[in-house]
Amino acid sequence: MTGQPLNLAVIVGSVREGRFGPVVARWIADRAAAHGSFTVDLIDLADTPVPLELPAVPPALEPNPPRTPALQRLADRLDAADAVVVVTPDYNRSFPASLKAAIDWHYTQWQAKPIGFVGYSGASGGLLAIEQLRQVFNELQAHTVRDYVSFPRYYLLFGPDGTLLDPEGPATAAKAMLDQLDWWGSVLRDARRDRPLAAN
């Protein structure tokens, strides 16, 4: 633990009917809380309607575009985050449109913050989505950490009550990712305070 706890936003990226994302998100949120370096804000995009239509002036040029009250609450929660974990499935070898819309509605909220990933799906375990998300977040001047957590064939890994049947491997992967988020989050929080990142 590096000092003052970091605000960690855990984002459930899928809004699909019957999605498994909340189960995975609760698991990583519990691991983050047990880590000792974070206060955790669990953000479910299903709770916030995110328009697909973006404002005429992109958030990169206008960081505070007109937003609905619900979308502004989301922006405020992302703004308060020192680090982020994105929980995502693979949809057709990519990540959900709901997640892309939420990302594109924001800009400064991602800048100079570390991003970690927890993926789940069939054979790939979300890795196809994660690799594409790395490119997206790098464009937004965020820092994606190296380690991640992946649940291939997640439906065989969790019991009916949402607990992992064999938690040791995922717990080890989660700790590695959370340790990196802790280090980068602390360094970048100080840097944002002392020397804000210049706008494009």
N, C-alpha and C. Protein backbone atom coordinates (compact mmCIF):
# COMPACT_ATOMS: atom_id res chain seq x y z
N MET A 1 0.85 -1.20 0.00
CA MET A 1 0.00 0.00 0.00
C MET A 1 0.88 1.24 0.00
N THR A 2 0.60 2.18 -0.87
CA THR A 2 1.51 3.30 -1.08
C THR A 2 1.11 4.57 -0.34
N GLY A 3 0.07 4.56 0.47
CA GLY A 3 -0.35 5.76 1.18
C GLY A 3 -1.84 5.94 1.12
N GLN A 4 -2.29 7.17 0.81
CA GLN A 4 -3.71 7.46 0.73
C GLN A 4 -4.38 6.54 -0.28
N PRO A 5 -5.51 5.92 0.11
CA PRO A 5 -6.16 5.00 -0.84
C PRO A 5 -6.53 5.69 -2.15
N LEU A 6 -6.45 4.94 -3.21
CA LEU A 6 -6.83 5.41 -4.53
C LEU A 6 -8.30 5.13 -4.77
N ASN A 7 -8.94 6.03 -5.49
CA ASN A 7 -10.31 5.80 -5.92
C ASN A 7 -10.28 4.94 -7.19
N LEU A 8 -10.81 3.74 -7.09
CA LEU A 8 -10.80 2.80 -8.21
C LEU A 8 -12.21 2.63 -8.74
N ALA A 9 -12.40 2.96 -10.01
CA ALA A 9 -13.68 2.73 -10.67
C ALA A 9 -13.63 1.38 -11.37
N VAL A 10 -14.58 0.52 -11.06
CA VAL A 10 -14.73 -0.77 -11.74
C VAL A 10 -15.95 -0.66 -12.63
N ILE A 11 -15.74 -0.75 -13.94
CA ILE A 11 -16.80 -0.49 -14.92
C ILE A 11 -17.30 -1.81 -15.51
N VAL A 12 -18.60 -2.04 -15.40
CA VAL A 12 -19.24 -3.18 -16.08
C VAL A 12 -19.57 -2.73 -17.49
N GLY A 13 -18.85 -3.25 -18.48
CA GLY A 13 -18.95 -2.74 -19.84
C GLY A 13 -20.13 -3.24 -20.64
N SER A 14 -20.69 -4.39 -20.27
CA SER A 14 -21.79 -4.98 -21.04
C SER A 14 -23.14 -4.59 -20.45
N VAL A 15 -24.08 -4.28 -21.32
CA VAL A 15 -25.45 -4.01 -20.89
C VAL A 15 -26.41 -5.04 -21.48
N ARG A 16 -25.88 -6.09 -22.02
CA ARG A 16 -26.65 -7.11 -22.70
C ARG A 16 -27.60 -7.83 -21.73
N GLU A 17 -28.78 -8.19 -22.22
CA GLU A 17 -29.72 -8.95 -21.41
C GLU A 17 -29.09 -10.29 -21.02
N GLY A 18 -29.18 -10.63 -19.74
CA GLY A 18 -28.62 -11.88 -19.26
C GLY A 18 -27.12 -11.88 -19.11
N ARG A 19 -26.49 -10.74 -19.16
CA ARG A 19 -25.02 -10.65 -19.11
C ARG A 19 -24.46 -11.23 -17.82
N PHE A 20 -23.22 -11.67 -17.92
CA PHE A 20 -22.50 -12.23 -16.77
C PHE A 20 -21.58 -11.18 -16.14
N GLY A 21 -21.45 -10.03 -16.77
CA GLY A 21 -20.51 -9.01 -16.33
C GLY A 21 -20.60 -8.63 -14.86
N PRO A 22 -21.81 -8.42 -14.30
CA PRO A 22 -21.87 -8.03 -12.89
C PRO A 22 -21.25 -9.05 -11.94
N VAL A 23 -21.33 -10.33 -12.27
CA VAL A 23 -20.71 -11.35 -11.42
C VAL A 23 -19.19 -11.17 -11.41
N VAL A 24 -18.61 -11.00 -12.58
CA VAL A 24 -17.16 -10.80 -12.69
C VAL A 24 -16.76 -9.48 -12.03
N ALA A 25 -17.56 -8.44 -12.22
CA ALA A 25 -17.24 -7.14 -11.64
C ALA A 25 -17.27 -7.18 -10.12
N ARG A 26 -18.25 -7.86 -9.56
CA ARG A 26 -18.29 -7.97 -8.09
C ARG A 26 -17.08 -8.72 -7.56
N TRP A 27 -16.64 -9.73 -8.33
CA TRP A 27 -15.46 -10.48 -7.89
C TRP A 27 -14.23 -9.59 -7.87
N ILE A 28 -13.97 -8.85 -8.93
CA ILE A 28 -12.77 -8.01 -8.94
C ILE A 28 -12.92 -6.84 -7.98
N ALA A 29 -14.13 -6.34 -7.78
CA ALA A 29 -14.33 -5.27 -6.79
C ALA A 29 -14.01 -5.78 -5.39
N ASP A 30 -14.38 -7.00 -5.08
CA ASP A 30 -14.05 -7.59 -3.78
C ASP A 30 -12.55 -7.77 -3.63
N ARG A 31 -11.89 -8.21 -4.71
CA ARG A 31 -10.43 -8.36 -4.64
C ARG A 31 -9.76 -7.00 -4.43
N ALA A 32 -10.26 -5.98 -5.09
CA ALA A 32 -9.68 -4.64 -4.94
C ALA A 32 -9.88 -4.11 -3.53
N ALA A 33 -11.07 -4.34 -2.97
CA ALA A 33 -11.33 -3.89 -1.60
C ALA A 33 -10.41 -4.61 -0.61
N ALA A 34 -10.17 -5.91 -0.83
CA ALA A 34 -9.31 -6.68 0.05
C ALA A 34 -7.83 -6.32 -0.13
N HIS A 35 -7.48 -5.75 -1.27
CA HIS A 35 -6.09 -5.39 -1.55
C HIS A 35 -5.57 -4.38 -0.54
N GLY A 36 -6.42 -3.43 -0.15
CA GLY A 36 -6.05 -2.46 0.87
C GLY A 36 -5.60 -1.12 0.36
N SER A 37 -5.46 -0.96 -0.96
CA SER A 37 -4.97 0.30 -1.52
C SER A 37 -6.07 1.13 -2.18
N PHE A 38 -7.31 0.63 -2.17
CA PHE A 38 -8.35 1.26 -2.98
C PHE A 38 -9.66 1.44 -2.21
N THR A 39 -10.34 2.52 -2.55
CA THR A 39 -11.78 2.60 -2.32
C THR A 39 -12.42 2.33 -3.68
N VAL A 40 -13.47 1.52 -3.69
CA VAL A 40 -13.99 0.99 -4.94
C VAL A 40 -15.36 1.58 -5.25
N ASP A 41 -15.51 2.07 -6.49
CA ASP A 41 -16.79 2.54 -7.01
C ASP A 41 -17.18 1.63 -8.17
N LEU A 42 -18.20 0.81 -7.97
CA LEU A 42 -18.65 -0.13 -8.99
C LEU A 42 -19.66 0.56 -9.90
N ILE A 43 -19.29 0.75 -11.16
CA ILE A 43 -20.10 1.49 -12.12
C ILE A 43 -20.67 0.51 -13.14
N ASP A 44 -21.98 0.38 -13.17
CA ASP A 44 -22.65 -0.50 -14.12
C ASP A 44 -23.26 0.36 -15.22
N LEU A 45 -22.77 0.22 -16.43
CA LEU A 45 -23.27 1.05 -17.52
C LEU A 45 -24.74 0.81 -17.82
N ALA A 46 -25.28 -0.33 -17.37
CA ALA A 46 -26.71 -0.57 -17.54
C ALA A 46 -27.56 0.40 -16.72
N ASP A 47 -26.95 1.04 -15.73
CA ASP A 47 -27.67 2.00 -14.90
C ASP A 47 -27.66 3.41 -15.48
N THR A 48 -26.88 3.62 -16.54
CA THR A 48 -26.73 4.96 -17.12
C THR A 48 -26.95 4.90 -18.63
N PRO A 49 -28.09 5.36 -19.12
CA PRO A 49 -28.27 5.41 -20.58
C PRO A 49 -27.21 6.34 -21.21
N VAL A 50 -26.40 5.78 -22.10
CA VAL A 50 -25.36 6.55 -22.77
C VAL A 50 -25.74 6.70 -24.23
N PRO A 51 -26.02 7.93 -24.68
CA PRO A 51 -26.42 8.10 -26.09
C PRO A 51 -25.32 7.68 -27.05
N LEU A 52 -25.71 7.10 -28.16
CA LEU A 52 -24.74 6.79 -29.20
C LEU A 52 -24.37 8.04 -29.98
N GLU A 53 -25.28 9.02 -30.04
CA GLU A 53 -24.99 10.27 -30.75
C GLU A 53 -24.07 11.13 -29.91
N LEU A 54 -22.89 11.41 -30.44
CA LEU A 54 -21.92 12.23 -29.71
C LEU A 54 -22.17 13.71 -29.98
N PRO A 55 -21.71 14.58 -29.09
CA PRO A 55 -21.88 16.02 -29.33
C PRO A 55 -21.12 16.48 -30.57
N ALA A 56 -21.56 17.59 -31.14
CA ALA A 56 -20.95 18.10 -32.37
C ALA A 56 -19.46 18.40 -32.17
N VAL A 57 -19.13 18.97 -31.02
CA VAL A 57 -17.73 19.23 -30.69
C VAL A 57 -17.25 18.10 -29.79
N PRO A 58 -16.23 17.37 -30.18
CA PRO A 58 -15.81 16.20 -29.40
C PRO A 58 -15.28 16.60 -28.03
N PRO A 59 -15.40 15.70 -27.04
CA PRO A 59 -14.90 16.00 -25.70
C PRO A 59 -13.41 16.32 -25.65
N ALA A 60 -12.65 15.89 -26.65
CA ALA A 60 -11.23 16.26 -26.68
C ALA A 60 -11.05 17.76 -26.82
N LEU A 61 -12.01 18.42 -27.48
CA LEU A 61 -11.96 19.87 -27.67
C LEU A 61 -12.83 20.61 -26.66
N GLU A 62 -13.91 19.99 -26.22
CA GLU A 62 -14.80 20.57 -25.22
C GLU A 62 -15.01 19.54 -24.13
N PRO A 63 -14.18 19.61 -23.05
CA PRO A 63 -14.22 18.57 -22.02
C PRO A 63 -15.54 18.47 -21.27
N ASN A 64 -16.35 19.51 -21.34
CA ASN A 64 -17.62 19.50 -20.60
C ASN A 64 -18.79 19.76 -21.54
N PRO A 65 -19.05 18.83 -22.45
CA PRO A 65 -20.19 19.01 -23.37
C PRO A 65 -21.50 18.89 -22.60
N PRO A 66 -22.59 19.40 -23.16
CA PRO A 66 -23.88 19.20 -22.51
C PRO A 66 -24.17 17.71 -22.35
N ARG A 67 -24.51 17.32 -21.14
CA ARG A 67 -24.81 15.93 -20.83
C ARG A 67 -26.13 15.84 -20.09
N THR A 68 -26.80 14.71 -20.24
CA THR A 68 -27.98 14.47 -19.42
C THR A 68 -27.55 14.37 -17.97
N PRO A 69 -28.47 14.58 -17.02
CA PRO A 69 -28.08 14.45 -15.61
C PRO A 69 -27.45 13.10 -15.29
N ALA A 70 -28.00 12.02 -15.84
CA ALA A 70 -27.43 10.69 -15.56
C ALA A 70 -26.02 10.57 -16.13
N LEU A 71 -25.83 11.08 -17.33
CA LEU A 71 -24.50 11.01 -17.94
C LEU A 71 -23.51 11.90 -17.20
N GLN A 72 -23.98 13.02 -16.67
CA GLN A 72 -23.10 13.89 -15.90
C GLN A 72 -22.68 13.21 -14.60
N ARG A 73 -23.58 12.46 -13.99
CA ARG A 73 -23.20 11.71 -12.79
C ARG A 73 -22.13 10.69 -13.10
N LEU A 74 -22.25 10.04 -14.26
CA LEU A 74 -21.21 9.11 -14.69
C LEU A 74 -19.89 9.84 -14.89
N ALA A 75 -19.92 10.98 -15.55
CA ALA A 75 -18.71 11.76 -15.78
C ALA A 75 -18.05 12.15 -14.46
N ASP A 76 -18.86 12.53 -13.49
CA ASP A 76 -18.32 12.93 -12.18
C ASP A 76 -17.65 11.75 -11.49
N ARG A 77 -18.25 10.58 -11.60
CA ARG A 77 -17.65 9.40 -10.97
C ARG A 77 -16.34 9.02 -11.66
N LEU A 78 -16.30 9.11 -12.98
CA LEU A 78 -15.06 8.82 -13.69
C LEU A 78 -14.00 9.87 -13.38
N ASP A 79 -14.42 11.11 -13.26
CA ASP A 79 -13.48 12.18 -12.94
C ASP A 79 -12.84 11.96 -11.57
N ALA A 80 -13.61 11.41 -10.64
CA ALA A 80 -13.10 11.19 -9.29
C ALA A 80 -12.16 9.99 -9.20
N ALA A 81 -12.15 9.16 -10.22
CA ALA A 81 -11.34 7.94 -10.18
C ALA A 81 -9.86 8.26 -10.36
N ASP A 82 -9.02 7.57 -9.60
CA ASP A 82 -7.57 7.62 -9.78
C ASP A 82 -7.08 6.48 -10.65
N ALA A 83 -7.88 5.44 -10.77
CA ALA A 83 -7.55 4.27 -11.57
C ALA A 83 -8.86 3.60 -11.98
N VAL A 84 -8.79 2.78 -13.01
CA VAL A 84 -10.00 2.18 -13.58
C VAL A 84 -9.73 0.72 -13.89
N VAL A 85 -10.71 -0.13 -13.62
CA VAL A 85 -10.73 -1.50 -14.12
C VAL A 85 -11.95 -1.65 -15.02
N VAL A 86 -11.72 -2.08 -16.24
CA VAL A 86 -12.80 -2.30 -17.20
C VAL A 86 -13.08 -3.80 -17.27
N VAL A 87 -14.32 -4.17 -17.02
CA VAL A 87 -14.75 -5.57 -17.12
C VAL A 87 -15.50 -5.73 -18.44
N THR A 88 -14.98 -6.58 -19.32
CA THR A 88 -15.55 -6.65 -20.67
C THR A 88 -15.59 -8.07 -21.21
N PRO A 89 -16.65 -8.41 -21.95
CA PRO A 89 -16.65 -9.63 -22.75
C PRO A 89 -16.11 -9.35 -24.14
N ASP A 90 -16.00 -10.40 -24.93
CA ASP A 90 -15.80 -10.26 -26.37
C ASP A 90 -17.17 -10.32 -27.05
N TYR A 91 -17.46 -9.33 -27.90
CA TYR A 91 -18.63 -9.40 -28.79
C TYR A 91 -18.10 -9.38 -30.21
N ASN A 92 -18.25 -10.46 -30.93
CA ASN A 92 -17.81 -10.51 -32.33
C ASN A 92 -16.37 -10.02 -32.48
N ARG A 93 -15.50 -10.55 -31.62
CA ARG A 93 -14.06 -10.27 -31.64
C ARG A 93 -13.73 -8.83 -31.26
N SER A 94 -14.62 -8.16 -30.54
CA SER A 94 -14.37 -6.80 -30.10
C SER A 94 -15.07 -6.58 -28.77
N PHE A 95 -15.21 -5.32 -28.36
CA PHE A 95 -15.84 -5.00 -27.09
C PHE A 95 -17.20 -4.36 -27.32
N PRO A 96 -18.05 -4.28 -26.30
CA PRO A 96 -19.43 -3.83 -26.50
C PRO A 96 -19.54 -2.37 -26.93
N ALA A 97 -20.56 -2.10 -27.74
CA ALA A 97 -20.83 -0.72 -28.17
C ALA A 97 -21.14 0.18 -26.98
N SER A 98 -21.78 -0.37 -25.95
CA SER A 98 -22.09 0.42 -24.76
C SER A 98 -20.82 0.95 -24.11
N LEU A 99 -19.78 0.15 -24.11
CA LEU A 99 -18.51 0.57 -23.52
C LEU A 99 -17.84 1.63 -24.38
N LYS A 100 -17.87 1.45 -25.70
CA LYS A 100 -17.26 2.45 -26.59
C LYS A 100 -17.96 3.79 -26.47
N ALA A 101 -19.29 3.78 -26.38
CA ALA A 101 -20.02 5.04 -26.23
C ALA A 101 -19.64 5.74 -24.93
N ALA A 102 -19.55 4.98 -23.85
CA ALA A 102 -19.18 5.59 -22.57
C ALA A 102 -17.77 6.17 -22.62
N ILE A 103 -16.87 5.47 -23.29
CA ILE A 103 -15.50 5.99 -23.43
C ILE A 103 -15.50 7.28 -24.24
N ASP A 104 -16.20 7.28 -25.37
CA ASP A 104 -16.13 8.41 -26.30
C ASP A 104 -16.82 9.66 -25.77
N TRP A 105 -17.74 9.52 -24.82
CA TRP A 105 -18.39 10.68 -24.23
C TRP A 105 -17.48 11.42 -23.24
N HIS A 106 -16.30 10.88 -23.00
CA HIS A 106 -15.39 11.47 -22.01
C HIS A 106 -13.99 11.58 -22.61
N TYR A 107 -13.21 12.45 -22.00
CA TYR A 107 -11.83 12.60 -22.47
C TYR A 107 -10.89 12.86 -21.30
N THR A 108 -11.07 14.01 -20.63
CA THR A 108 -10.18 14.32 -19.51
C THR A 108 -10.32 13.30 -18.38
N GLN A 109 -11.46 12.64 -18.31
CA GLN A 109 -11.68 11.67 -17.24
C GLN A 109 -10.73 10.47 -17.34
N TRP A 110 -10.17 10.23 -18.53
CA TRP A 110 -9.25 9.11 -18.70
C TRP A 110 -7.79 9.53 -18.65
N GLN A 111 -7.51 10.79 -18.85
CA GLN A 111 -6.13 11.25 -19.05
C GLN A 111 -5.24 10.96 -17.84
N ALA A 112 -4.06 10.44 -18.13
CA ALA A 112 -3.03 10.21 -17.12
C ALA A 112 -3.54 9.37 -15.95
N LYS A 113 -4.36 8.37 -16.29
CA LYS A 113 -4.84 7.43 -15.29
C LYS A 113 -4.55 6.00 -15.77
N PRO A 114 -4.24 5.11 -14.83
CA PRO A 114 -3.99 3.72 -15.23
C PRO A 114 -5.29 2.95 -15.41
N ILE A 115 -5.28 2.08 -16.41
CA ILE A 115 -6.45 1.28 -16.74
C ILE A 115 -6.05 -0.19 -16.70
N GLY A 116 -6.83 -0.99 -15.99
CA GLY A 116 -6.65 -2.43 -15.98
C GLY A 116 -7.87 -3.11 -16.58
N PHE A 117 -7.72 -4.38 -16.94
CA PHE A 117 -8.79 -5.08 -17.63
C PHE A 117 -9.06 -6.44 -17.01
N VAL A 118 -10.35 -6.78 -16.96
CA VAL A 118 -10.79 -8.13 -16.63
C VAL A 118 -11.69 -8.58 -17.77
N GLY A 119 -11.28 -9.63 -18.47
CA GLY A 119 -12.04 -10.11 -19.62
C GLY A 119 -12.68 -11.45 -19.35
N TYR A 120 -13.79 -11.68 -20.01
CA TYR A 120 -14.46 -12.98 -19.92
C TYR A 120 -15.17 -13.23 -21.25
N SER A 121 -15.19 -14.47 -21.66
CA SER A 121 -15.94 -14.87 -22.87
C SER A 121 -15.72 -16.36 -23.06
N GLY A 122 -15.85 -16.83 -24.32
CA GLY A 122 -15.64 -18.24 -24.60
C GLY A 122 -14.17 -18.58 -24.57
N ALA A 123 -13.62 -18.99 -25.71
CA ALA A 123 -12.24 -19.47 -25.74
C ALA A 123 -11.22 -18.37 -25.46
N SER A 124 -11.48 -17.14 -25.88
CA SER A 124 -10.46 -16.09 -25.78
C SER A 124 -10.40 -15.45 -24.40
N GLY A 125 -11.43 -15.61 -23.59
CA GLY A 125 -11.42 -15.00 -22.26
C GLY A 125 -11.41 -13.49 -22.27
N GLY A 126 -11.89 -12.88 -23.36
CA GLY A 126 -11.95 -11.42 -23.44
C GLY A 126 -10.69 -10.77 -23.97
N LEU A 127 -9.69 -11.55 -24.35
CA LEU A 127 -8.42 -10.96 -24.76
C LEU A 127 -8.54 -10.14 -26.04
N LEU A 128 -9.42 -10.54 -26.94
CA LEU A 128 -9.60 -9.77 -28.18
C LEU A 128 -10.14 -8.38 -27.87
N ALA A 129 -11.07 -8.29 -26.95
CA ALA A 129 -11.60 -6.98 -26.54
C ALA A 129 -10.52 -6.17 -25.82
N ILE A 130 -9.78 -6.82 -24.95
CA ILE A 130 -8.76 -6.11 -24.17
C ILE A 130 -7.71 -5.48 -25.08
N GLU A 131 -7.24 -6.23 -26.06
CA GLU A 131 -6.19 -5.69 -26.93
C GLU A 131 -6.69 -4.48 -27.73
N GLN A 132 -7.94 -4.49 -28.15
CA GLN A 132 -8.48 -3.33 -28.85
C GLN A 132 -8.67 -2.16 -27.89
N LEU A 133 -9.07 -2.44 -26.67
CA LEU A 133 -9.26 -1.36 -25.70
C LEU A 133 -7.94 -0.69 -25.34
N ARG A 134 -6.85 -1.44 -25.37
CA ARG A 134 -5.55 -0.81 -25.11
C ARG A 134 -5.29 0.31 -26.12
N GLN A 135 -5.58 0.07 -27.38
CA GLN A 135 -5.37 1.10 -28.40
C GLN A 135 -6.26 2.32 -28.15
N VAL A 136 -7.51 2.06 -27.80
CA VAL A 136 -8.45 3.16 -27.56
C VAL A 136 -7.98 4.02 -26.39
N PHE A 137 -7.64 3.39 -25.27
CA PHE A 137 -7.24 4.17 -24.10
C PHE A 137 -5.90 4.85 -24.28
N ASN A 138 -4.99 4.25 -25.03
CA ASN A 138 -3.72 4.93 -25.30
C ASN A 138 -3.95 6.22 -26.09
N GLU A 139 -4.92 6.22 -26.98
CA GLU A 139 -5.26 7.44 -27.73
C GLU A 139 -5.78 8.52 -26.80
N LEU A 140 -6.39 8.12 -25.70
CA LEU A 140 -6.96 9.07 -24.73
C LEU A 140 -5.95 9.46 -23.65
N GLN A 141 -4.69 9.11 -23.86
CA GLN A 141 -3.59 9.46 -22.95
C GLN A 141 -3.76 8.83 -21.58
N ALA A 142 -4.39 7.67 -21.55
CA ALA A 142 -4.40 6.84 -20.35
C ALA A 142 -3.24 5.85 -20.43
N HIS A 143 -2.95 5.21 -19.32
CA HIS A 143 -1.89 4.20 -19.28
C HIS A 143 -2.51 2.85 -18.97
N THR A 144 -2.43 1.91 -19.90
CA THR A 144 -2.97 0.58 -19.65
C THR A 144 -1.87 -0.28 -19.04
N VAL A 145 -2.17 -0.91 -17.90
CA VAL A 145 -1.16 -1.70 -17.23
C VAL A 145 -0.99 -3.04 -17.94
N ARG A 146 0.15 -3.65 -17.72
CA ARG A 146 0.52 -4.86 -18.47
C ARG A 146 -0.36 -6.05 -18.10
N ASP A 147 -0.51 -6.30 -16.80
CA ASP A 147 -1.20 -7.50 -16.36
C ASP A 147 -2.71 -7.33 -16.41
N TYR A 148 -3.40 -8.44 -16.53
CA TYR A 148 -4.86 -8.43 -16.66
C TYR A 148 -5.38 -9.73 -16.07
N VAL A 149 -6.69 -9.86 -16.01
CA VAL A 149 -7.34 -11.09 -15.57
C VAL A 149 -8.24 -11.56 -16.71
N SER A 150 -8.19 -12.85 -17.00
CA SER A 150 -8.97 -13.39 -18.10
C SER A 150 -9.70 -14.65 -17.65
N PHE A 151 -10.97 -14.74 -18.05
CA PHE A 151 -11.80 -15.90 -17.72
C PHE A 151 -12.30 -16.55 -19.01
N PRO A 152 -11.49 -17.42 -19.62
CA PRO A 152 -11.99 -18.17 -20.78
C PRO A 152 -13.00 -19.22 -20.31
N ARG A 153 -14.06 -19.38 -21.08
CA ARG A 153 -15.14 -20.31 -20.71
C ARG A 153 -15.57 -20.06 -19.26
N TYR A 154 -15.89 -18.80 -19.01
CA TYR A 154 -16.24 -18.36 -17.65
C TYR A 154 -17.37 -19.18 -17.05
N TYR A 155 -18.25 -19.69 -17.89
CA TYR A 155 -19.42 -20.43 -17.42
C TYR A 155 -19.03 -21.76 -16.78
N LEU A 156 -17.78 -22.19 -16.97
CA LEU A 156 -17.28 -23.39 -16.30
C LEU A 156 -16.48 -23.06 -15.04
N LEU A 157 -16.18 -21.79 -14.84
CA LEU A 157 -15.27 -21.37 -13.77
C LEU A 157 -15.98 -20.89 -12.52
N PHE A 158 -17.22 -20.41 -12.69
CA PHE A 158 -17.98 -19.87 -11.56
C PHE A 158 -19.11 -20.82 -11.20
N GLY A 159 -19.37 -20.93 -9.89
CA GLY A 159 -20.49 -21.73 -9.43
C GLY A 159 -21.80 -20.97 -9.56
N PRO A 160 -22.91 -21.63 -9.27
CA PRO A 160 -24.23 -20.99 -9.38
C PRO A 160 -24.40 -19.75 -8.50
N ASP A 161 -23.64 -19.69 -7.41
CA ASP A 161 -23.73 -18.55 -6.50
C ASP A 161 -22.77 -17.43 -6.87
N GLY A 162 -22.04 -17.57 -7.99
CA GLY A 162 -21.14 -16.53 -8.45
C GLY A 162 -19.74 -16.61 -7.87
N THR A 163 -19.42 -17.65 -7.12
CA THR A 163 -18.07 -17.79 -6.58
C THR A 163 -17.22 -18.63 -7.52
N LEU A 164 -15.92 -18.35 -7.53
CA LEU A 164 -15.00 -19.10 -8.37
C LEU A 164 -14.79 -20.50 -7.80
N LEU A 165 -14.79 -21.48 -8.67
CA LEU A 165 -14.58 -22.85 -8.23
C LEU A 165 -13.12 -23.11 -7.86
N ASP A 166 -12.21 -22.45 -8.58
CA ASP A 166 -10.77 -22.58 -8.30
C ASP A 166 -10.18 -21.17 -8.32
N PRO A 167 -10.21 -20.47 -7.19
CA PRO A 167 -9.89 -19.03 -7.19
C PRO A 167 -8.40 -18.69 -7.19
N GLU A 168 -7.52 -19.65 -6.98
CA GLU A 168 -6.12 -19.32 -6.74
C GLU A 168 -5.47 -18.60 -7.93
N GLY A 169 -5.63 -19.15 -9.14
CA GLY A 169 -5.00 -18.53 -10.30
C GLY A 169 -5.53 -17.14 -10.59
N PRO A 170 -6.85 -16.96 -10.67
CA PRO A 170 -7.38 -15.61 -10.90
C PRO A 170 -7.01 -14.63 -9.79
N ALA A 171 -6.97 -15.10 -8.55
CA ALA A 171 -6.60 -14.19 -7.46
C ALA A 171 -5.16 -13.72 -7.61
N THR A 172 -4.26 -14.62 -8.05
CA THR A 172 -2.87 -14.22 -8.27
C THR A 172 -2.77 -13.20 -9.40
N ALA A 173 -3.52 -13.43 -10.49
CA ALA A 173 -3.51 -12.49 -11.62
C ALA A 173 -4.09 -11.14 -11.20
N ALA A 174 -5.15 -11.18 -10.39
CA ALA A 174 -5.78 -9.94 -9.93
C ALA A 174 -4.82 -9.14 -9.07
N LYS A 175 -4.09 -9.80 -8.19
CA LYS A 175 -3.14 -9.08 -7.33
C LYS A 175 -2.05 -8.41 -8.15
N ALA A 176 -1.54 -9.12 -9.17
CA ALA A 176 -0.51 -8.51 -10.02
C ALA A 176 -1.04 -7.25 -10.70
N MET A 177 -2.26 -7.33 -11.24
CA MET A 177 -2.85 -6.16 -11.90
C MET A 177 -3.11 -5.03 -10.91
N LEU A 178 -3.66 -5.37 -9.75
CA LEU A 178 -3.98 -4.34 -8.76
C LEU A 178 -2.72 -3.69 -8.20
N ASP A 179 -1.65 -4.47 -8.03
CA ASP A 179 -0.38 -3.88 -7.60
C ASP A 179 0.10 -2.84 -8.61
N GLN A 180 -0.02 -3.14 -9.90
CA GLN A 180 0.40 -2.19 -10.92
C GLN A 180 -0.51 -0.96 -10.93
N LEU A 181 -1.81 -1.16 -10.76
CA LEU A 181 -2.72 -0.02 -10.68
C LEU A 181 -2.42 0.85 -9.47
N ASP A 182 -2.04 0.22 -8.37
CA ASP A 182 -1.68 0.97 -7.17
C ASP A 182 -0.45 1.84 -7.43
N TRP A 183 0.60 1.25 -8.01
CA TRP A 183 1.83 2.00 -8.25
C TRP A 183 1.60 3.14 -9.24
N TRP A 184 1.05 2.79 -10.41
CA TRP A 184 0.83 3.81 -11.43
C TRP A 184 -0.21 4.83 -10.97
N GLY A 185 -1.24 4.37 -10.28
CA GLY A 185 -2.27 5.31 -9.83
C GLY A 185 -1.73 6.33 -8.87
N SER A 186 -0.85 5.91 -7.96
CA SER A 186 -0.28 6.84 -7.00
C SER A 186 0.64 7.84 -7.68
N VAL A 187 1.49 7.34 -8.57
CA VAL A 187 2.42 8.22 -9.28
C VAL A 187 1.67 9.22 -10.16
N LEU A 188 0.69 8.74 -10.90
CA LEU A 188 -0.03 9.62 -11.82
C LEU A 188 -0.95 10.58 -11.08
N ARG A 189 -1.49 10.17 -9.95
CA ARG A 189 -2.30 11.11 -9.16
C ARG A 189 -1.45 12.30 -8.72
N ASP A 190 -0.24 12.03 -8.24
CA ASP A 190 0.65 13.12 -7.85
C ASP A 190 1.03 13.97 -9.05
N ALA A 191 1.27 13.32 -10.19
CA ALA A 191 1.67 14.07 -11.38
C ALA A 191 0.53 14.95 -11.88
N ARG A 192 -0.70 14.45 -11.85
CA ARG A 192 -1.84 15.28 -12.30
C ARG A 192 -2.01 16.49 -11.40
N ARG A 193 -1.73 16.30 -10.14
CA ARG A 193 -1.86 17.43 -9.20
C ARG A 193 -0.75 18.45 -9.39
N ASP A 194 0.48 17.97 -9.57
CA ASP A 194 1.64 18.87 -9.62
C ASP A 194 1.89 19.44 -11.01
N ARG A 195 1.52 18.66 -12.04
CA ARG A 195 1.77 19.11 -13.41
C ARG A 195 0.69 18.55 -14.30
N PRO A 196 -0.45 19.22 -14.39
CA PRO A 196 -1.58 18.70 -15.20
C PRO A 196 -1.14 18.46 -16.65
N LEU A 197 -1.70 17.40 -17.21
CA LEU A 197 -1.40 17.05 -18.60
C LEU A 197 -1.99 18.10 -19.53
N ALA A 198 -1.16 18.58 -20.46
CA ALA A 198 -1.63 19.61 -21.40
C ALA A 198 -2.64 19.00 -22.35
N ALA A 199 -3.65 19.80 -22.72
CA ALA A 199 -4.65 19.35 -23.67
C ALA A 199 -4.02 19.24 -25.05
N ASN A 200 -4.64 18.39 -25.90
CA ASN A 200 -4.17 18.27 -27.29
C ASN A 200 -4.38 19.58 -28.04
